Amino acid sequence: MQLLRIAPESPYLATVRPWYEGSFPPEERRNFDQLVQLLDLPDMHFCVLVDQSTPVGFISYWQWGDLLYVEHVAIDPEKRGQKFGEQALQQVVALQATCVVLEVELPEDSLSVRRVQFYERQGFYVNEFPYVQPPYRLNETGIPMKLLSIPAIPDSATFQQISDQINENVYRRFYDKPIG
């Protein structure tokens, strides 16, 4: 399976859009047109997952030096259960980064517990420090979540530094500039 970076003019955009919009509630994602406007940013990577010439999902991540933040992963509902999500995460974790982090819903029901367990099987650690996903839009409310990482984040000061970097570079950075 390949990860192909998507450009703003990519024909893959029409394929991945329903997966993006259908896999995440509006408060956990950007408007798709806003997302497209970010594709030329050097630190933002939005990649289609291609298996034998067929798109099977996508992964989006941001990278700043040694820190890599996985923002979204989704697989075509018809292709789930074929380990494409695992393969995508393995490829991203293998990139040049000292720390890989991602957000996940609080494990409060069977689906969210299974999701956390999936990431743990991929080598991610559940960090027990309190975390709130910042809102994607100004004047909206953040969402309590867990921040998972490879390796485990050793202390609250490092956790806060990583949380602040994600907040500033993925969320707050776009509040002052309309991108849509």
N, C-alpha and C. Protein backbone atom coordinates (compact mmCIF):
# COMPACT_ATOMS: atom_id res chain seq x y z
N MET A 1 0.84 -1.18 0.00
CA MET A 1 0.00 0.00 0.00
C MET A 1 0.88 1.24 0.00
N GLN A 2 0.46 2.25 -0.76
CA GLN A 2 1.19 3.52 -0.86
C GLN A 2 0.42 4.65 -0.20
N LEU A 3 1.16 5.62 0.33
CA LEU A 3 0.59 6.88 0.78
C LEU A 3 0.98 7.92 -0.25
N LEU A 4 0.00 8.50 -0.94
CA LEU A 4 0.26 9.51 -1.95
C LEU A 4 -0.25 10.85 -1.45
N ARG A 5 0.65 11.83 -1.36
CA ARG A 5 0.25 13.15 -0.88
C ARG A 5 -0.69 13.80 -1.88
N ILE A 6 -1.78 14.36 -1.36
CA ILE A 6 -2.81 14.96 -2.21
C ILE A 6 -2.53 16.45 -2.35
N ALA A 7 -2.56 16.93 -3.59
CA ALA A 7 -2.43 18.36 -3.90
C ALA A 7 -3.83 18.95 -4.07
N PRO A 8 -3.94 20.29 -4.04
CA PRO A 8 -5.27 20.92 -4.16
C PRO A 8 -6.04 20.56 -5.43
N GLU A 9 -5.36 20.17 -6.49
CA GLU A 9 -6.04 19.84 -7.75
C GLU A 9 -6.22 18.33 -7.93
N SER A 10 -5.91 17.54 -6.95
CA SER A 10 -5.89 16.09 -7.08
C SER A 10 -7.27 15.50 -7.39
N PRO A 11 -7.33 14.56 -8.32
CA PRO A 11 -8.60 13.87 -8.58
C PRO A 11 -9.03 13.00 -7.39
N TYR A 12 -8.11 12.69 -6.47
CA TYR A 12 -8.45 11.88 -5.30
C TYR A 12 -9.34 12.63 -4.31
N LEU A 13 -9.39 13.95 -4.39
CA LEU A 13 -10.20 14.72 -3.44
C LEU A 13 -11.66 14.30 -3.45
N ALA A 14 -12.20 14.08 -4.63
CA ALA A 14 -13.61 13.67 -4.73
C ALA A 14 -13.84 12.30 -4.09
N THR A 15 -12.84 11.45 -4.14
CA THR A 15 -12.96 10.11 -3.55
C THR A 15 -12.89 10.16 -2.04
N VAL A 16 -11.95 10.94 -1.48
CA VAL A 16 -11.75 10.94 -0.03
C VAL A 16 -12.74 11.82 0.72
N ARG A 17 -13.35 12.77 0.03
CA ARG A 17 -14.27 13.69 0.72
C ARG A 17 -15.38 12.97 1.50
N PRO A 18 -16.11 12.02 0.92
CA PRO A 18 -17.16 11.36 1.72
C PRO A 18 -16.59 10.56 2.89
N TRP A 19 -15.38 10.04 2.77
CA TRP A 19 -14.77 9.32 3.89
C TRP A 19 -14.44 10.30 5.02
N TYR A 20 -13.92 11.47 4.65
CA TYR A 20 -13.58 12.49 5.64
C TYR A 20 -14.83 12.98 6.35
N GLU A 21 -15.83 13.35 5.57
CA GLU A 21 -17.05 13.92 6.15
C GLU A 21 -17.90 12.86 6.86
N GLY A 22 -17.82 11.61 6.42
CA GLY A 22 -18.62 10.57 7.03
C GLY A 22 -17.97 9.91 8.24
N SER A 23 -16.67 10.05 8.38
CA SER A 23 -15.96 9.38 9.46
C SER A 23 -15.81 10.23 10.72
N PHE A 24 -15.97 11.55 10.57
CA PHE A 24 -15.75 12.45 11.71
C PHE A 24 -16.90 13.43 11.82
N PRO A 25 -17.41 13.64 13.04
CA PRO A 25 -18.47 14.64 13.20
C PRO A 25 -17.92 16.04 12.91
N PRO A 26 -18.78 16.99 12.54
CA PRO A 26 -18.31 18.33 12.17
C PRO A 26 -17.41 18.99 13.21
N GLU A 27 -17.66 18.75 14.49
CA GLU A 27 -16.83 19.40 15.52
C GLU A 27 -15.44 18.78 15.63
N GLU A 28 -15.20 17.65 14.97
CA GLU A 28 -13.89 17.00 15.01
C GLU A 28 -13.14 17.10 13.69
N ARG A 29 -13.57 18.02 12.83
CA ARG A 29 -12.90 18.18 11.54
C ARG A 29 -13.15 19.58 11.00
N ARG A 30 -12.39 19.92 9.97
CA ARG A 30 -12.60 21.18 9.25
C ARG A 30 -13.70 20.98 8.20
N ASN A 31 -14.21 22.10 7.71
CA ASN A 31 -15.01 22.08 6.50
C ASN A 31 -14.06 21.57 5.39
N PHE A 32 -14.53 20.71 4.50
CA PHE A 32 -13.65 20.11 3.50
C PHE A 32 -13.00 21.16 2.60
N ASP A 33 -13.72 22.20 2.22
CA ASP A 33 -13.13 23.24 1.38
C ASP A 33 -12.00 23.95 2.11
N GLN A 34 -12.13 24.11 3.43
CA GLN A 34 -11.04 24.70 4.21
C GLN A 34 -9.84 23.77 4.23
N LEU A 35 -10.09 22.48 4.37
CA LEU A 35 -9.01 21.50 4.34
C LEU A 35 -8.22 21.60 3.04
N VAL A 36 -8.91 21.69 1.93
CA VAL A 36 -8.25 21.75 0.61
C VAL A 36 -7.32 22.96 0.55
N GLN A 37 -7.70 24.06 1.18
CA GLN A 37 -6.86 25.26 1.17
C GLN A 37 -5.56 25.09 1.96
N LEU A 38 -5.48 24.07 2.79
CA LEU A 38 -4.27 23.84 3.59
C LEU A 38 -3.28 22.89 2.92
N LEU A 39 -3.66 22.28 1.82
CA LEU A 39 -2.86 21.21 1.23
C LEU A 39 -1.48 21.64 0.76
N ASP A 40 -1.28 22.91 0.47
CA ASP A 40 0.04 23.37 0.03
C ASP A 40 0.97 23.72 1.18
N LEU A 41 0.48 23.69 2.42
CA LEU A 41 1.34 23.99 3.56
C LEU A 41 2.41 22.91 3.70
N PRO A 42 3.66 23.29 3.89
CA PRO A 42 4.72 22.28 3.94
C PRO A 42 4.64 21.34 5.14
N ASP A 43 4.03 21.78 6.24
CA ASP A 43 3.96 20.92 7.43
C ASP A 43 2.72 20.04 7.47
N MET A 44 1.80 20.25 6.52
CA MET A 44 0.55 19.48 6.48
C MET A 44 0.62 18.44 5.37
N HIS A 45 0.26 17.21 5.73
CA HIS A 45 0.30 16.11 4.77
C HIS A 45 -1.07 15.43 4.77
N PHE A 46 -1.73 15.46 3.64
CA PHE A 46 -3.02 14.79 3.47
C PHE A 46 -2.79 13.76 2.38
N CYS A 47 -2.82 12.48 2.76
CA CYS A 47 -2.41 11.41 1.84
C CYS A 47 -3.54 10.42 1.60
N VAL A 48 -3.73 10.07 0.35
CA VAL A 48 -4.65 9.00 0.01
C VAL A 48 -3.89 7.69 0.16
N LEU A 49 -4.57 6.66 0.66
CA LEU A 49 -3.99 5.33 0.77
C LEU A 49 -4.41 4.55 -0.46
N VAL A 50 -3.44 4.05 -1.21
CA VAL A 50 -3.72 3.37 -2.47
C VAL A 50 -3.19 1.95 -2.39
N ASP A 51 -4.08 1.00 -2.64
CA ASP A 51 -3.70 -0.41 -2.67
C ASP A 51 -4.02 -0.96 -4.05
N GLN A 52 -3.00 -1.41 -4.75
CA GLN A 52 -3.16 -1.96 -6.10
C GLN A 52 -3.98 -1.02 -6.98
N SER A 53 -3.58 0.23 -7.01
CA SER A 53 -4.18 1.30 -7.82
C SER A 53 -5.57 1.73 -7.37
N THR A 54 -6.05 1.23 -6.24
CA THR A 54 -7.38 1.58 -5.75
C THR A 54 -7.27 2.39 -4.46
N PRO A 55 -7.90 3.57 -4.40
CA PRO A 55 -7.91 4.32 -3.13
C PRO A 55 -8.73 3.55 -2.09
N VAL A 56 -8.14 3.41 -0.89
CA VAL A 56 -8.82 2.64 0.17
C VAL A 56 -9.03 3.46 1.44
N GLY A 57 -8.48 4.66 1.49
CA GLY A 57 -8.62 5.50 2.67
C GLY A 57 -7.71 6.70 2.60
N PHE A 58 -7.55 7.37 3.73
CA PHE A 58 -6.65 8.52 3.79
C PHE A 58 -6.08 8.65 5.19
N ILE A 59 -4.99 9.39 5.27
CA ILE A 59 -4.41 9.77 6.55
C ILE A 59 -3.93 11.21 6.41
N SER A 60 -4.16 12.00 7.45
CA SER A 60 -3.62 13.36 7.44
C SER A 60 -2.75 13.53 8.68
N TYR A 61 -1.62 14.20 8.48
CA TYR A 61 -0.72 14.43 9.60
C TYR A 61 0.06 15.71 9.38
N TRP A 62 0.58 16.23 10.48
CA TRP A 62 1.41 17.43 10.50
C TRP A 62 2.76 17.04 11.06
N GLN A 63 3.82 17.64 10.53
CA GLN A 63 5.14 17.34 11.08
C GLN A 63 5.93 18.62 11.28
N TRP A 64 6.46 18.73 12.50
CA TRP A 64 7.30 19.87 12.87
C TRP A 64 8.55 19.30 13.52
N GLY A 65 9.62 19.21 12.75
CA GLY A 65 10.86 18.64 13.28
C GLY A 65 10.64 17.21 13.72
N ASP A 66 10.92 16.93 14.99
CA ASP A 66 10.83 15.57 15.52
C ASP A 66 9.43 15.18 15.99
N LEU A 67 8.47 16.09 15.90
CA LEU A 67 7.11 15.80 16.35
C LEU A 67 6.19 15.60 15.14
N LEU A 68 5.47 14.50 15.14
CA LEU A 68 4.51 14.20 14.08
C LEU A 68 3.14 14.00 14.74
N TYR A 69 2.17 14.75 14.29
CA TYR A 69 0.81 14.69 14.82
C TYR A 69 -0.13 14.13 13.75
N VAL A 70 -0.73 12.97 14.02
CA VAL A 70 -1.70 12.36 13.11
C VAL A 70 -3.06 12.98 13.42
N GLU A 71 -3.61 13.70 12.44
CA GLU A 71 -4.88 14.39 12.66
C GLU A 71 -6.09 13.48 12.37
N HIS A 72 -6.08 12.79 11.25
CA HIS A 72 -7.21 11.94 10.88
C HIS A 72 -6.73 10.70 10.12
N VAL A 73 -7.42 9.60 10.34
CA VAL A 73 -7.23 8.37 9.57
C VAL A 73 -8.62 7.82 9.31
N ALA A 74 -8.91 7.48 8.06
CA ALA A 74 -10.20 6.86 7.75
C ALA A 74 -10.02 5.90 6.57
N ILE A 75 -10.75 4.83 6.64
CA ILE A 75 -10.72 3.80 5.60
C ILE A 75 -12.10 3.74 4.95
N ASP A 76 -12.11 3.53 3.65
CA ASP A 76 -13.36 3.31 2.91
C ASP A 76 -14.17 2.25 3.68
N PRO A 77 -15.41 2.56 4.05
CA PRO A 77 -16.21 1.59 4.82
C PRO A 77 -16.27 0.19 4.18
N GLU A 78 -16.20 0.13 2.86
CA GLU A 78 -16.24 -1.17 2.18
C GLU A 78 -14.91 -1.91 2.26
N LYS A 79 -13.86 -1.24 2.72
CA LYS A 79 -12.51 -1.85 2.76
C LYS A 79 -12.02 -2.06 4.19
N ARG A 80 -12.85 -1.74 5.17
CA ARG A 80 -12.42 -1.88 6.57
C ARG A 80 -12.19 -3.35 6.90
N GLY A 81 -11.32 -3.57 7.87
CA GLY A 81 -11.02 -4.93 8.30
C GLY A 81 -9.93 -5.60 7.49
N GLN A 82 -9.29 -4.86 6.57
CA GLN A 82 -8.25 -5.44 5.73
C GLN A 82 -6.86 -4.91 6.10
N LYS A 83 -6.77 -4.30 7.28
CA LYS A 83 -5.50 -3.84 7.86
C LYS A 83 -4.89 -2.63 7.16
N PHE A 84 -5.69 -1.89 6.38
CA PHE A 84 -5.17 -0.70 5.71
C PHE A 84 -4.84 0.40 6.72
N GLY A 85 -5.65 0.54 7.75
CA GLY A 85 -5.36 1.54 8.79
C GLY A 85 -4.05 1.23 9.50
N GLU A 86 -3.83 -0.04 9.82
CA GLU A 86 -2.58 -0.45 10.45
C GLU A 86 -1.39 -0.14 9.55
N GLN A 87 -1.52 -0.48 8.27
CA GLN A 87 -0.42 -0.24 7.33
C GLN A 87 -0.10 1.25 7.20
N ALA A 88 -1.14 2.08 7.15
CA ALA A 88 -0.92 3.52 7.05
C ALA A 88 -0.20 4.04 8.28
N LEU A 89 -0.65 3.63 9.46
CA LEU A 89 0.01 4.08 10.69
C LEU A 89 1.45 3.58 10.76
N GLN A 90 1.70 2.36 10.35
CA GLN A 90 3.07 1.84 10.34
C GLN A 90 3.98 2.69 9.46
N GLN A 91 3.48 3.09 8.30
CA GLN A 91 4.30 3.91 7.41
C GLN A 91 4.56 5.29 7.99
N VAL A 92 3.56 5.88 8.63
CA VAL A 92 3.74 7.21 9.22
C VAL A 92 4.66 7.14 10.43
N VAL A 93 4.48 6.12 11.27
CA VAL A 93 5.34 5.97 12.45
C VAL A 93 6.79 5.77 12.03
N ALA A 94 7.03 5.17 10.88
CA ALA A 94 8.39 4.93 10.39
C ALA A 94 9.07 6.18 9.85
N LEU A 95 8.33 7.29 9.71
CA LEU A 95 8.93 8.52 9.21
C LEU A 95 9.91 9.09 10.24
N GLN A 96 10.70 10.05 9.82
CA GLN A 96 11.69 10.67 10.70
C GLN A 96 11.00 11.53 11.76
N ALA A 97 10.64 10.92 12.90
CA ALA A 97 10.03 11.65 14.00
C ALA A 97 10.41 10.95 15.30
N THR A 98 10.70 11.72 16.30
CA THR A 98 11.03 11.18 17.62
C THR A 98 9.76 10.82 18.38
N CYS A 99 8.69 11.61 18.14
CA CYS A 99 7.43 11.40 18.84
C CYS A 99 6.28 11.51 17.85
N VAL A 100 5.38 10.52 17.88
CA VAL A 100 4.18 10.52 17.05
C VAL A 100 2.98 10.56 18.00
N VAL A 101 2.08 11.51 17.78
CA VAL A 101 0.91 11.66 18.65
C VAL A 101 -0.37 11.70 17.83
N LEU A 102 -1.47 11.34 18.49
CA LEU A 102 -2.79 11.46 17.89
C LEU A 102 -3.82 11.59 19.00
N GLU A 103 -4.98 12.14 18.63
CA GLU A 103 -6.09 12.30 19.57
C GLU A 103 -7.09 11.17 19.34
N VAL A 104 -7.74 10.76 20.42
CA VAL A 104 -8.80 9.76 20.31
C VAL A 104 -9.87 10.08 21.35
N GLU A 105 -11.11 9.72 21.01
CA GLU A 105 -12.23 9.96 21.91
C GLU A 105 -11.99 9.26 23.24
N LEU A 106 -12.57 9.81 24.30
CA LEU A 106 -12.48 9.15 25.60
C LEU A 106 -13.12 7.77 25.49
N PRO A 107 -12.51 6.76 26.10
CA PRO A 107 -13.05 5.39 26.01
C PRO A 107 -14.26 5.22 26.93
N GLU A 108 -15.41 5.67 26.43
CA GLU A 108 -16.63 5.68 27.25
C GLU A 108 -17.70 4.70 26.77
N ASP A 109 -17.52 4.12 25.59
CA ASP A 109 -18.47 3.12 25.09
C ASP A 109 -17.66 2.05 24.36
N SER A 110 -18.32 1.01 23.91
CA SER A 110 -17.58 -0.12 23.32
C SER A 110 -16.82 0.29 22.06
N LEU A 111 -17.40 1.15 21.22
CA LEU A 111 -16.71 1.58 20.01
C LEU A 111 -15.45 2.38 20.33
N SER A 112 -15.55 3.34 21.25
CA SER A 112 -14.38 4.15 21.59
C SER A 112 -13.33 3.32 22.33
N VAL A 113 -13.74 2.34 23.11
CA VAL A 113 -12.78 1.44 23.77
C VAL A 113 -12.03 0.63 22.72
N ARG A 114 -12.76 0.10 21.73
CA ARG A 114 -12.11 -0.67 20.65
C ARG A 114 -11.15 0.21 19.85
N ARG A 115 -11.51 1.49 19.64
CA ARG A 115 -10.64 2.39 18.90
C ARG A 115 -9.32 2.60 19.66
N VAL A 116 -9.41 2.83 20.97
CA VAL A 116 -8.20 2.99 21.79
C VAL A 116 -7.37 1.71 21.73
N GLN A 117 -8.02 0.56 21.85
CA GLN A 117 -7.30 -0.71 21.79
C GLN A 117 -6.60 -0.91 20.44
N PHE A 118 -7.24 -0.48 19.37
CA PHE A 118 -6.62 -0.55 18.04
C PHE A 118 -5.30 0.22 18.04
N TYR A 119 -5.32 1.45 18.54
CA TYR A 119 -4.10 2.26 18.56
C TYR A 119 -3.05 1.67 19.50
N GLU A 120 -3.48 1.10 20.61
CA GLU A 120 -2.52 0.46 21.51
C GLU A 120 -1.84 -0.72 20.81
N ARG A 121 -2.58 -1.48 20.03
CA ARG A 121 -1.98 -2.59 19.28
C ARG A 121 -0.95 -2.09 18.26
N GLN A 122 -1.08 -0.84 17.83
CA GLN A 122 -0.12 -0.25 16.88
C GLN A 122 1.09 0.34 17.60
N GLY A 123 1.12 0.22 18.93
CA GLY A 123 2.27 0.68 19.70
C GLY A 123 2.06 2.01 20.40
N PHE A 124 0.87 2.61 20.30
CA PHE A 124 0.62 3.89 20.95
C PHE A 124 0.33 3.69 22.44
N TYR A 125 0.74 4.66 23.22
CA TYR A 125 0.48 4.68 24.66
C TYR A 125 -0.60 5.71 24.96
N VAL A 126 -1.50 5.37 25.88
CA VAL A 126 -2.51 6.31 26.34
C VAL A 126 -1.87 7.15 27.44
N ASN A 127 -1.73 8.43 27.18
CA ASN A 127 -1.18 9.34 28.18
C ASN A 127 -2.31 9.78 29.10
N GLU A 128 -2.10 9.68 30.39
CA GLU A 128 -3.17 9.92 31.36
C GLU A 128 -3.33 11.39 31.73
N PHE A 129 -2.55 12.27 31.13
CA PHE A 129 -2.70 13.69 31.41
C PHE A 129 -4.00 14.20 30.78
N PRO A 130 -4.69 15.14 31.42
CA PRO A 130 -5.93 15.67 30.84
C PRO A 130 -5.64 16.41 29.52
N TYR A 131 -6.52 16.18 28.54
CA TYR A 131 -6.34 16.79 27.22
C TYR A 131 -7.71 17.17 26.66
N VAL A 132 -7.77 18.32 26.02
CA VAL A 132 -8.97 18.78 25.33
C VAL A 132 -8.58 19.13 23.89
N GLN A 133 -9.24 18.47 22.93
CA GLN A 133 -9.00 18.83 21.54
C GLN A 133 -9.51 20.25 21.34
N PRO A 134 -8.65 21.16 20.89
CA PRO A 134 -9.13 22.53 20.65
C PRO A 134 -10.20 22.53 19.55
N PRO A 135 -11.07 23.53 19.57
CA PRO A 135 -12.10 23.59 18.52
C PRO A 135 -11.49 23.96 17.17
N TYR A 136 -12.10 23.47 16.12
CA TYR A 136 -11.66 23.83 14.77
C TYR A 136 -12.10 25.23 14.37
N ARG A 137 -13.13 25.73 15.04
CA ARG A 137 -13.65 27.05 14.71
C ARG A 137 -13.64 27.94 15.95
N LEU A 138 -13.29 29.20 15.75
CA LEU A 138 -13.27 30.18 16.83
C LEU A 138 -14.65 30.24 17.49
N ASN A 139 -14.66 30.41 18.79
CA ASN A 139 -15.87 30.52 19.61
C ASN A 139 -16.65 29.22 19.76
N GLU A 140 -16.05 28.09 19.38
CA GLU A 140 -16.65 26.80 19.67
C GLU A 140 -15.94 26.19 20.87
N THR A 141 -16.46 25.10 21.38
CA THR A 141 -15.93 24.47 22.58
C THR A 141 -15.02 23.30 22.22
N GLY A 142 -13.96 23.13 22.99
CA GLY A 142 -13.08 21.99 22.82
C GLY A 142 -13.76 20.70 23.27
N ILE A 143 -13.14 19.56 22.91
CA ILE A 143 -13.72 18.25 23.20
C ILE A 143 -12.72 17.46 24.06
N PRO A 144 -13.12 17.01 25.25
CA PRO A 144 -12.21 16.17 26.04
C PRO A 144 -11.86 14.90 25.27
N MET A 145 -10.57 14.62 25.19
CA MET A 145 -10.08 13.43 24.49
C MET A 145 -8.86 12.91 25.23
N LYS A 146 -8.27 11.86 24.68
CA LYS A 146 -6.99 11.35 25.14
C LYS A 146 -5.97 11.63 24.06
N LEU A 147 -4.75 11.93 24.47
CA LEU A 147 -3.64 12.10 23.53
C LEU A 147 -2.78 10.84 23.65
N LEU A 148 -2.70 10.09 22.55
CA LEU A 148 -1.89 8.87 22.51
C LEU A 148 -0.58 9.19 21.83
N SER A 149 0.46 8.43 22.16
CA SER A 149 1.77 8.74 21.59
C SER A 149 2.67 7.51 21.51
N ILE A 150 3.64 7.61 20.63
CA ILE A 150 4.78 6.70 20.55
C ILE A 150 6.02 7.58 20.59
N PRO A 151 6.85 7.48 21.61
CA PRO A 151 6.70 6.71 22.84
C PRO A 151 5.76 7.42 23.81
N ALA A 152 5.58 6.84 24.99
CA ALA A 152 4.76 7.48 26.02
C ALA A 152 5.40 8.82 26.37
N ILE A 153 4.59 9.81 26.65
CA ILE A 153 5.10 11.13 27.03
C ILE A 153 5.49 11.05 28.50
N PRO A 154 6.74 11.41 28.83
CA PRO A 154 7.28 11.09 30.15
C PRO A 154 6.77 11.93 31.33
N ASP A 155 6.33 13.15 31.07
CA ASP A 155 5.95 14.01 32.19
C ASP A 155 4.97 15.08 31.72
N SER A 156 4.35 15.76 32.69
CA SER A 156 3.32 16.75 32.36
C SER A 156 3.88 17.95 31.63
N ALA A 157 5.12 18.34 31.89
CA ALA A 157 5.70 19.49 31.19
C ALA A 157 5.87 19.18 29.70
N THR A 158 6.37 18.00 29.38
CA THR A 158 6.51 17.60 27.97
C THR A 158 5.14 17.47 27.32
N PHE A 159 4.19 16.89 28.05
CA PHE A 159 2.82 16.76 27.54
C PHE A 159 2.25 18.13 27.22
N GLN A 160 2.45 19.09 28.10
CA GLN A 160 1.92 20.44 27.88
C GLN A 160 2.59 21.10 26.67
N GLN A 161 3.88 20.91 26.53
CA GLN A 161 4.61 21.47 25.39
C GLN A 161 4.06 20.91 24.07
N ILE A 162 3.84 19.60 24.01
CA ILE A 162 3.31 18.96 22.81
C ILE A 162 1.88 19.44 22.55
N SER A 163 1.06 19.48 23.59
CA SER A 163 -0.33 19.94 23.45
C SER A 163 -0.38 21.37 22.93
N ASP A 164 0.49 22.22 23.48
CA ASP A 164 0.54 23.62 23.03
C ASP A 164 0.95 23.72 21.56
N GLN A 165 1.91 22.90 21.14
CA GLN A 165 2.35 22.93 19.75
C GLN A 165 1.22 22.51 18.80
N ILE A 166 0.49 21.47 19.16
CA ILE A 166 -0.65 21.05 18.35
C ILE A 166 -1.70 22.15 18.30
N ASN A 167 -2.03 22.69 19.45
CA ASN A 167 -3.04 23.76 19.53
C ASN A 167 -2.67 24.94 18.63
N GLU A 168 -1.44 25.37 18.72
CA GLU A 168 -1.00 26.55 17.97
C GLU A 168 -0.92 26.27 16.46
N ASN A 169 -0.36 25.12 16.07
CA ASN A 169 -0.06 24.86 14.66
C ASN A 169 -1.19 24.22 13.86
N VAL A 170 -2.16 23.60 14.54
CA VAL A 170 -3.25 22.92 13.83
C VAL A 170 -4.57 23.67 13.99
N TYR A 171 -4.75 24.32 15.11
CA TYR A 171 -6.04 24.94 15.42
C TYR A 171 -5.94 26.47 15.42
N ARG A 172 -5.33 27.04 16.43
CA ARG A 172 -5.32 28.50 16.62
C ARG A 172 -4.70 29.24 15.43
N ARG A 173 -3.78 28.63 14.78
CA ARG A 173 -3.09 29.24 13.62
C ARG A 173 -4.08 29.72 12.56
N PHE A 174 -5.24 29.09 12.48
CA PHE A 174 -6.19 29.40 11.43
C PHE A 174 -7.40 30.19 11.91
N TYR A 175 -7.46 30.52 13.20
CA TYR A 175 -8.60 31.29 13.71
C TYR A 175 -8.65 32.70 13.15
N ASP A 176 -7.50 33.34 13.04
CA ASP A 176 -7.46 34.74 12.62
C ASP A 176 -7.57 34.92 11.11
N LYS A 177 -7.33 33.83 10.37
CA LYS A 177 -7.35 33.91 8.92
C LYS A 177 -8.49 33.07 8.38
N PRO A 178 -9.49 33.67 7.80
CA PRO A 178 -10.53 32.84 7.20
C PRO A 178 -9.94 31.99 6.07
N ILE A 179 -10.24 30.72 6.07
CA ILE A 179 -9.72 29.83 5.02
C ILE A 179 -10.89 29.22 4.24
N GLY A 180 -11.91 29.98 4.07
CA GLY A 180 -13.00 29.41 3.31
C GLY A 180 -14.06 30.40 2.97
